């Protein structure tokens, strides 16, 4: 699927970008050329997602981050 927008030179932060809807959103932004920052509570869980997103030829950064409100 191709987006009708060009995001080259942009950076996108996606919390929960490791799987499911968050990963699909990450793929869409990467496909449009945006560099991606994905987060998950566990850094070890991000390795595969980071590798797959890197196949789009964009920079991908992965960080452990817990954004829930207590």
N, C-alpha and C. Protein backbone atom coordinates (compact mmCIF):
# COMPACT_ATOMS: atom_id res chain seq x y z
N UNK A 1 0.84 -1.17 0.00
CA UNK A 1 0.00 0.00 0.00
C UNK A 1 0.88 1.23 0.00
N UNK A 2 0.57 2.18 -0.79
CA UNK A 2 1.35 3.40 -0.90
C UNK A 2 0.53 4.60 -0.45
N UNK A 3 1.14 5.44 0.37
CA UNK A 3 0.47 6.65 0.82
C UNK A 3 0.69 7.76 -0.20
N UNK A 4 -0.23 8.67 -0.26
CA UNK A 4 -0.15 9.77 -1.22
C UNK A 4 0.61 10.96 -0.65
N UNK A 5 1.36 10.75 0.43
CA UNK A 5 2.12 11.83 1.04
C UNK A 5 3.59 11.46 1.11
N UNK A 6 4.42 12.48 1.14
CA UNK A 6 5.87 12.29 1.23
C UNK A 6 6.34 12.82 2.57
N UNK A 7 6.86 11.95 3.42
CA UNK A 7 7.32 12.35 4.74
C UNK A 7 8.83 12.29 4.88
N UNK A 8 9.54 12.28 3.76
CA UNK A 8 11.00 12.25 3.82
C UNK A 8 11.50 13.46 4.60
N UNK A 9 12.45 13.23 5.50
CA UNK A 9 13.00 14.29 6.32
C UNK A 9 12.21 14.54 7.61
N UNK A 10 11.10 13.84 7.80
CA UNK A 10 10.28 13.98 9.01
C UNK A 10 10.61 12.85 9.97
N UNK A 11 10.29 13.07 11.24
CA UNK A 11 10.46 12.05 12.27
C UNK A 11 9.12 11.82 12.95
N UNK A 12 8.80 10.55 13.22
CA UNK A 12 7.52 10.20 13.82
C UNK A 12 7.74 9.34 15.05
N UNK A 13 7.09 9.71 16.16
CA UNK A 13 7.14 8.93 17.40
C UNK A 13 5.84 8.15 17.51
N UNK A 14 5.97 6.83 17.67
CA UNK A 14 4.81 5.97 17.81
C UNK A 14 4.96 5.15 19.07
N UNK A 15 4.12 5.44 20.06
CA UNK A 15 4.15 4.65 21.29
C UNK A 15 3.41 3.34 21.00
N UNK A 16 3.95 2.25 21.49
CA UNK A 16 3.35 0.95 21.21
C UNK A 16 3.51 0.55 19.76
N UNK A 17 4.60 0.95 19.13
CA UNK A 17 4.81 0.68 17.71
C UNK A 17 5.37 -0.67 17.39
N UNK A 18 5.39 -1.56 18.35
CA UNK A 18 6.01 -2.88 18.19
C UNK A 18 5.11 -3.91 17.51
N UNK A 19 3.80 -3.83 17.74
CA UNK A 19 2.91 -4.86 17.20
C UNK A 19 1.52 -4.28 16.96
N UNK A 20 0.69 -5.06 16.31
CA UNK A 20 -0.70 -4.69 16.11
C UNK A 20 -0.89 -3.39 15.34
N UNK A 21 -1.86 -2.60 15.79
CA UNK A 21 -2.18 -1.34 15.13
C UNK A 21 -0.99 -0.39 15.14
N UNK A 22 -0.26 -0.33 16.25
CA UNK A 22 0.90 0.55 16.35
C UNK A 22 1.96 0.21 15.32
N UNK A 23 2.18 -1.08 15.09
CA UNK A 23 3.17 -1.49 14.10
C UNK A 23 2.68 -1.17 12.69
N UNK A 24 1.40 -1.36 12.44
CA UNK A 24 0.83 -1.02 11.12
C UNK A 24 0.98 0.48 10.85
N UNK A 25 0.75 1.29 11.85
CA UNK A 25 0.94 2.74 11.71
C UNK A 25 2.41 3.05 11.45
N UNK A 26 3.30 2.39 12.18
CA UNK A 26 4.74 2.58 11.98
C UNK A 26 5.14 2.25 10.56
N UNK A 27 4.61 1.14 10.04
CA UNK A 27 4.91 0.73 8.65
C UNK A 27 4.43 1.78 7.65
N UNK A 28 3.26 2.32 7.88
CA UNK A 28 2.73 3.35 6.98
C UNK A 28 3.60 4.58 6.93
N UNK A 29 4.03 5.05 8.10
CA UNK A 29 4.90 6.22 8.15
C UNK A 29 6.26 5.92 7.53
N UNK A 30 6.81 4.74 7.80
CA UNK A 30 8.10 4.36 7.21
C UNK A 30 7.98 4.27 5.70
N UNK A 31 6.89 3.71 5.23
CA UNK A 31 6.66 3.59 3.79
C UNK A 31 6.57 4.96 3.12
N UNK A 32 6.10 5.96 3.87
CA UNK A 32 6.01 7.33 3.35
C UNK A 32 7.34 8.08 3.48
N UNK A 33 8.36 7.43 4.08
CA UNK A 33 9.69 8.02 4.14
C UNK A 33 10.09 8.65 5.45
N UNK A 34 9.23 8.60 6.45
CA UNK A 34 9.54 9.21 7.74
C UNK A 34 10.50 8.34 8.54
N UNK A 35 11.43 8.97 9.25
CA UNK A 35 12.21 8.25 10.25
C UNK A 35 11.25 7.89 11.38
N UNK A 36 11.48 6.77 12.04
CA UNK A 36 10.54 6.26 13.02
C UNK A 36 11.20 6.11 14.38
N UNK A 37 10.48 6.51 15.42
CA UNK A 37 10.86 6.21 16.80
C UNK A 37 9.73 5.37 17.36
N UNK A 38 10.02 4.11 17.72
CA UNK A 38 9.01 3.24 18.32
C UNK A 38 9.37 2.98 19.77
N UNK A 39 8.33 2.77 20.58
CA UNK A 39 8.55 2.51 21.99
C UNK A 39 7.75 1.29 22.43
N UNK A 40 8.23 0.69 23.49
CA UNK A 40 7.55 -0.41 24.16
C UNK A 40 8.06 -0.43 25.59
N UNK A 41 7.33 -1.07 26.47
CA UNK A 41 7.80 -1.13 27.86
C UNK A 41 9.09 -1.92 28.00
N UNK A 42 9.31 -2.88 27.12
CA UNK A 42 10.50 -3.72 27.17
C UNK A 42 11.33 -3.54 25.90
N UNK A 43 12.58 -3.11 26.05
CA UNK A 43 13.45 -2.87 24.90
C UNK A 43 13.68 -4.15 24.09
N UNK A 44 13.72 -5.31 24.77
CA UNK A 44 13.98 -6.57 24.07
C UNK A 44 12.88 -6.91 23.07
N UNK A 45 11.67 -6.40 23.30
CA UNK A 45 10.54 -6.70 22.42
C UNK A 45 10.60 -5.91 21.11
N UNK A 46 11.46 -4.93 21.02
CA UNK A 46 11.48 -4.03 19.87
C UNK A 46 12.42 -4.47 18.74
N UNK A 47 13.27 -5.44 18.98
CA UNK A 47 14.29 -5.82 18.01
C UNK A 47 13.71 -6.18 16.64
N UNK A 48 12.73 -7.09 16.62
CA UNK A 48 12.15 -7.53 15.34
C UNK A 48 11.45 -6.39 14.62
N UNK A 49 10.68 -5.60 15.35
CA UNK A 49 9.96 -4.48 14.73
C UNK A 49 10.95 -3.48 14.14
N UNK A 50 12.01 -3.19 14.87
CA UNK A 50 13.02 -2.25 14.38
C UNK A 50 13.66 -2.76 13.09
N UNK A 51 13.96 -4.04 13.06
CA UNK A 51 14.58 -4.63 11.87
C UNK A 51 13.63 -4.57 10.66
N UNK A 52 12.36 -4.92 10.86
CA UNK A 52 11.40 -4.90 9.76
C UNK A 52 11.17 -3.49 9.23
N UNK A 53 11.09 -2.52 10.12
CA UNK A 53 10.87 -1.13 9.69
C UNK A 53 12.10 -0.59 8.97
N UNK A 54 13.28 -1.04 9.36
CA UNK A 54 14.51 -0.62 8.71
C UNK A 54 14.57 -1.05 7.25
N UNK A 55 13.80 -2.08 6.88
CA UNK A 55 13.77 -2.55 5.50
C UNK A 55 13.16 -1.52 4.55
N UNK A 56 12.49 -0.49 5.09
CA UNK A 56 11.93 0.57 4.26
C UNK A 56 12.99 1.62 3.90
N UNK A 57 14.20 1.45 4.43
CA UNK A 57 15.29 2.37 4.11
C UNK A 57 15.25 3.67 4.91
N UNK A 58 14.57 3.66 6.06
CA UNK A 58 14.51 4.85 6.91
C UNK A 58 15.23 4.57 8.22
N UNK A 59 15.59 5.63 8.94
CA UNK A 59 16.18 5.46 10.26
C UNK A 59 15.10 5.02 11.23
N UNK A 60 15.43 4.04 12.07
CA UNK A 60 14.48 3.54 13.06
C UNK A 60 15.18 3.53 14.41
N UNK A 61 14.53 4.13 15.40
CA UNK A 61 15.05 4.18 16.76
C UNK A 61 14.05 3.49 17.67
N UNK A 62 14.54 2.73 18.64
CA UNK A 62 13.67 1.99 19.54
C UNK A 62 14.08 2.28 20.98
N UNK A 63 13.09 2.60 21.81
CA UNK A 63 13.34 2.95 23.21
C UNK A 63 12.33 2.27 24.12
N UNK A 64 12.79 1.89 25.30
CA UNK A 64 11.89 1.40 26.34
C UNK A 64 11.23 2.62 26.97
N UNK A 65 9.89 2.61 27.01
CA UNK A 65 9.15 3.74 27.52
C UNK A 65 7.79 3.27 28.01
N UNK A 66 7.44 3.63 29.23
CA UNK A 66 6.13 3.29 29.79
C UNK A 66 5.35 4.59 29.94
N UNK A 67 4.28 4.76 29.19
CA UNK A 67 3.53 6.02 29.19
C UNK A 67 2.21 5.92 29.95
N UNK A 68 1.95 4.82 30.62
CA UNK A 68 0.68 4.70 31.31
C UNK A 68 0.62 5.63 32.53
N UNK A 69 -0.56 6.08 32.81
CA UNK A 69 -0.80 6.99 33.94
C UNK A 69 -1.19 6.16 35.14
N UNK A 70 -0.55 6.44 36.24
CA UNK A 70 -0.85 5.66 37.47
C UNK A 70 -1.67 6.48 38.40
